[in-house]
């Protein structure tokens, strides 16, 4: 079975996560710490890989990111670049 995303990108939302995080003047480490308070464990390095689209994002992680970054989960995809 073919993968949905055939190119090198492993997620569509990484650039939006980075944009929203930077607008909040938040470091990757700060974002990681805020996620940890929600029992969502993503280390700083993994956030970096999500933002550069070299790591996949689970639904629970996307949910936590949406809460911290004040964006609805649907809006991640409304703003995502087309494949």
N, C-alpha and C. Protein backbone atom coordinates (compact mmCIF):
# COMPACT_ATOMS: atom_id res chain seq x y z
N UNK A 1 0.84 -1.17 0.00
CA UNK A 1 0.00 0.00 0.00
C UNK A 1 0.89 1.24 0.00
N UNK A 2 0.57 2.19 -0.84
CA UNK A 2 1.33 3.42 -0.94
C UNK A 2 1.07 4.30 0.27
N UNK A 3 2.08 5.03 0.66
CA UNK A 3 1.92 5.99 1.75
C UNK A 3 1.16 7.20 1.24
N UNK A 4 0.43 7.84 2.12
CA UNK A 4 -0.31 9.04 1.76
C UNK A 4 0.66 10.15 1.35
N UNK A 5 1.71 10.29 2.12
CA UNK A 5 2.71 11.32 1.84
C UNK A 5 3.91 10.61 1.21
N UNK A 6 4.09 10.77 -0.08
CA UNK A 6 5.12 10.05 -0.81
C UNK A 6 6.48 10.75 -0.77
N UNK A 7 6.53 12.03 -0.50
CA UNK A 7 7.81 12.72 -0.52
C UNK A 7 8.52 12.59 0.82
N UNK A 8 9.50 13.40 1.05
CA UNK A 8 10.31 13.32 2.27
C UNK A 8 9.59 13.85 3.51
N UNK A 9 8.56 14.63 3.33
CA UNK A 9 7.86 15.22 4.47
C UNK A 9 7.03 14.16 5.18
N UNK A 10 7.12 14.15 6.52
CA UNK A 10 6.38 13.18 7.31
C UNK A 10 5.19 13.79 8.04
N UNK A 11 4.98 15.08 7.87
CA UNK A 11 3.78 15.73 8.40
C UNK A 11 3.51 16.97 7.59
N UNK A 12 2.33 17.50 7.71
CA UNK A 12 1.94 18.72 7.01
C UNK A 12 1.95 19.94 7.91
N UNK A 13 2.00 19.73 9.21
CA UNK A 13 1.74 20.81 10.16
C UNK A 13 2.99 21.43 10.77
N UNK A 14 4.15 20.88 10.53
CA UNK A 14 5.38 21.37 11.15
C UNK A 14 5.64 22.85 10.99
N UNK A 15 5.56 23.38 9.77
CA UNK A 15 5.81 24.82 9.60
C UNK A 15 4.81 25.70 10.34
N UNK A 16 3.58 25.25 10.48
CA UNK A 16 2.57 26.02 11.20
C UNK A 16 2.88 26.00 12.70
N UNK A 17 3.31 24.85 13.20
CA UNK A 17 3.70 24.75 14.61
C UNK A 17 4.83 25.73 14.89
N UNK A 18 5.83 25.73 14.03
CA UNK A 18 6.97 26.65 14.21
C UNK A 18 6.51 28.11 14.18
N UNK A 19 5.69 28.45 13.20
CA UNK A 19 5.20 29.83 13.06
C UNK A 19 4.44 30.27 14.31
N UNK A 20 3.53 29.44 14.79
CA UNK A 20 2.73 29.79 15.96
C UNK A 20 3.60 29.86 17.22
N UNK A 21 4.56 28.95 17.35
CA UNK A 21 5.47 28.95 18.51
C UNK A 21 6.29 30.23 18.53
N UNK A 22 6.83 30.62 17.39
CA UNK A 22 7.64 31.83 17.33
C UNK A 22 6.82 33.09 17.58
N UNK A 23 5.57 33.10 17.13
CA UNK A 23 4.69 34.26 17.40
C UNK A 23 4.47 34.43 18.89
N UNK A 24 4.49 33.31 19.62
CA UNK A 24 4.32 33.36 21.07
C UNK A 24 5.65 33.59 21.79
N UNK A 25 6.74 33.76 20.99
CA UNK A 25 8.09 33.97 21.54
C UNK A 25 8.46 32.84 22.51
N UNK A 26 8.16 31.62 22.08
CA UNK A 26 8.38 30.43 22.90
C UNK A 26 9.49 29.59 22.27
N UNK A 27 10.41 29.13 23.09
CA UNK A 27 11.45 28.24 22.60
C UNK A 27 10.89 26.82 22.45
N UNK A 28 11.61 25.99 21.73
CA UNK A 28 11.20 24.59 21.62
C UNK A 28 11.20 23.93 22.99
N UNK A 29 12.16 24.28 23.82
CA UNK A 29 12.23 23.72 25.18
C UNK A 29 11.03 24.14 26.02
N UNK A 30 10.63 25.39 25.90
CA UNK A 30 9.45 25.87 26.63
C UNK A 30 8.19 25.16 26.15
N UNK A 31 8.07 24.95 24.85
CA UNK A 31 6.92 24.22 24.32
C UNK A 31 6.91 22.79 24.85
N UNK A 32 8.07 22.16 24.88
CA UNK A 32 8.18 20.80 25.41
C UNK A 32 7.73 20.75 26.87
N UNK A 33 8.16 21.72 27.67
CA UNK A 33 7.80 21.77 29.08
C UNK A 33 6.29 21.97 29.27
N UNK A 34 5.68 22.83 28.46
CA UNK A 34 4.23 23.05 28.55
C UNK A 34 3.47 21.78 28.18
N UNK A 35 3.93 21.08 27.16
CA UNK A 35 3.29 19.82 26.78
C UNK A 35 3.39 18.80 27.90
N UNK A 36 4.51 18.79 28.58
CA UNK A 36 4.72 17.84 29.68
C UNK A 36 3.70 18.04 30.79
N UNK A 37 3.26 19.28 31.02
CA UNK A 37 2.25 19.53 32.06
C UNK A 37 0.91 18.91 31.68
N UNK A 38 0.75 18.57 30.39
CA UNK A 38 -0.46 17.91 29.91
C UNK A 38 -0.24 16.41 29.75
N UNK A 39 0.88 15.91 30.27
CA UNK A 39 1.26 14.50 30.14
C UNK A 39 1.46 14.10 28.68
N UNK A 40 1.94 15.06 27.88
CA UNK A 40 2.31 14.80 26.49
C UNK A 40 3.81 15.04 26.40
N UNK A 41 4.54 13.98 26.15
CA UNK A 41 5.99 14.05 26.24
C UNK A 41 6.62 14.10 24.85
N UNK A 42 7.08 15.29 24.49
CA UNK A 42 7.81 15.50 23.25
C UNK A 42 9.06 16.29 23.63
N UNK A 43 10.23 15.70 23.45
CA UNK A 43 11.46 16.40 23.81
C UNK A 43 11.74 17.52 22.81
N UNK A 44 12.64 18.41 23.17
CA UNK A 44 12.97 19.55 22.32
C UNK A 44 13.43 19.10 20.93
N UNK A 45 14.24 18.06 20.88
CA UNK A 45 14.72 17.56 19.60
C UNK A 45 13.60 17.03 18.73
N UNK A 46 12.63 16.40 19.33
CA UNK A 46 11.49 15.89 18.57
C UNK A 46 10.63 17.03 18.04
N UNK A 47 10.51 18.11 18.82
CA UNK A 47 9.78 19.28 18.33
C UNK A 47 10.50 19.85 17.11
N UNK A 48 11.81 19.89 17.17
CA UNK A 48 12.58 20.36 16.03
C UNK A 48 12.31 19.51 14.79
N UNK A 49 12.28 18.20 14.97
CA UNK A 49 12.04 17.30 13.84
C UNK A 49 10.60 17.39 13.33
N UNK A 50 9.66 17.65 14.23
CA UNK A 50 8.28 17.88 13.79
C UNK A 50 8.22 19.15 12.94
N UNK A 51 8.87 20.21 13.43
CA UNK A 51 8.83 21.49 12.71
C UNK A 51 9.51 21.40 11.35
N UNK A 52 10.57 20.59 11.23
CA UNK A 52 11.22 20.47 9.91
C UNK A 52 10.62 19.34 9.08
N UNK A 53 9.54 18.80 9.55
CA UNK A 53 8.72 17.79 8.86
C UNK A 53 9.43 16.45 8.67
N UNK A 54 10.39 16.15 9.52
CA UNK A 54 11.07 14.86 9.42
C UNK A 54 10.57 13.86 10.45
N UNK A 55 9.52 14.21 11.19
CA UNK A 55 8.90 13.33 12.18
C UNK A 55 7.38 13.42 12.07
N UNK A 56 6.72 12.30 12.28
CA UNK A 56 5.26 12.30 12.26
C UNK A 56 4.71 12.88 13.56
N UNK A 57 3.44 13.23 13.54
CA UNK A 57 2.76 13.80 14.72
C UNK A 57 1.52 12.96 14.98
N UNK A 58 1.39 12.45 16.21
CA UNK A 58 0.18 11.69 16.56
C UNK A 58 -0.96 12.65 16.87
N UNK A 59 -2.15 12.11 16.89
CA UNK A 59 -3.33 12.95 17.15
C UNK A 59 -3.28 13.57 18.55
N UNK A 60 -2.85 12.83 19.56
CA UNK A 60 -2.81 13.38 20.92
C UNK A 60 -1.76 14.49 21.02
N UNK A 61 -0.65 14.34 20.33
CA UNK A 61 0.36 15.40 20.32
C UNK A 61 -0.16 16.63 19.60
N UNK A 62 -0.85 16.43 18.50
CA UNK A 62 -1.43 17.55 17.77
C UNK A 62 -2.47 18.27 18.62
N UNK A 63 -3.24 17.50 19.38
CA UNK A 63 -4.23 18.09 20.28
C UNK A 63 -3.53 18.98 21.31
N UNK A 64 -2.48 18.47 21.95
CA UNK A 64 -1.75 19.26 22.94
C UNK A 64 -1.13 20.51 22.33
N UNK A 65 -0.55 20.36 21.16
CA UNK A 65 0.04 21.52 20.48
C UNK A 65 -1.04 22.55 20.16
N UNK A 66 -2.22 22.10 19.77
CA UNK A 66 -3.29 23.05 19.44
C UNK A 66 -3.71 23.84 20.68
N UNK A 67 -3.77 23.17 21.83
CA UNK A 67 -4.17 23.86 23.06
C UNK A 67 -3.13 24.91 23.47
N UNK A 68 -1.86 24.54 23.42
CA UNK A 68 -0.81 25.45 23.86
C UNK A 68 -0.62 26.60 22.88
N UNK A 69 -0.74 26.32 21.60
CA UNK A 69 -0.51 27.34 20.58
C UNK A 69 -1.78 28.11 20.19
N UNK A 70 -2.90 27.77 20.83
CA UNK A 70 -4.19 28.44 20.58
C UNK A 70 -4.59 28.41 19.11
N UNK A 71 -4.60 27.22 18.57
CA UNK A 71 -5.06 27.02 17.19
C UNK A 71 -5.89 25.74 17.19
N UNK A 72 -6.98 25.74 16.48
CA UNK A 72 -7.79 24.52 16.45
C UNK A 72 -7.06 23.45 15.64
N UNK A 73 -7.25 22.19 15.97
CA UNK A 73 -6.59 21.13 15.19
C UNK A 73 -6.92 21.23 13.69
N UNK A 74 -8.13 21.61 13.36
CA UNK A 74 -8.51 21.75 11.94
C UNK A 74 -7.71 22.84 11.25
N UNK A 75 -7.42 23.92 11.98
CA UNK A 75 -6.68 25.03 11.38
C UNK A 75 -5.25 24.65 11.01
N UNK A 76 -4.68 23.66 11.67
CA UNK A 76 -3.36 23.20 11.25
C UNK A 76 -3.42 22.77 9.78
N UNK A 77 -4.49 22.12 9.41
CA UNK A 77 -4.62 21.59 8.06
C UNK A 77 -5.13 22.63 7.08
N UNK A 78 -5.91 23.59 7.56
CA UNK A 78 -6.39 24.66 6.69
C UNK A 78 -5.24 25.53 6.22
N UNK A 79 -4.18 25.61 7.02
CA UNK A 79 -3.03 26.46 6.68
C UNK A 79 -1.86 25.65 6.12
N UNK A 80 -1.98 24.33 6.10
CA UNK A 80 -0.87 23.49 5.65
C UNK A 80 -0.63 23.65 4.16
N UNK A 81 0.64 23.58 3.79
CA UNK A 81 0.99 23.60 2.36
C UNK A 81 0.44 22.35 1.71
N UNK A 82 0.10 22.45 0.47
CA UNK A 82 -0.39 21.29 -0.26
C UNK A 82 0.75 20.32 -0.52
N UNK A 83 0.39 19.07 -0.54
CA UNK A 83 1.39 18.01 -0.78
C UNK A 83 1.95 18.15 -2.17
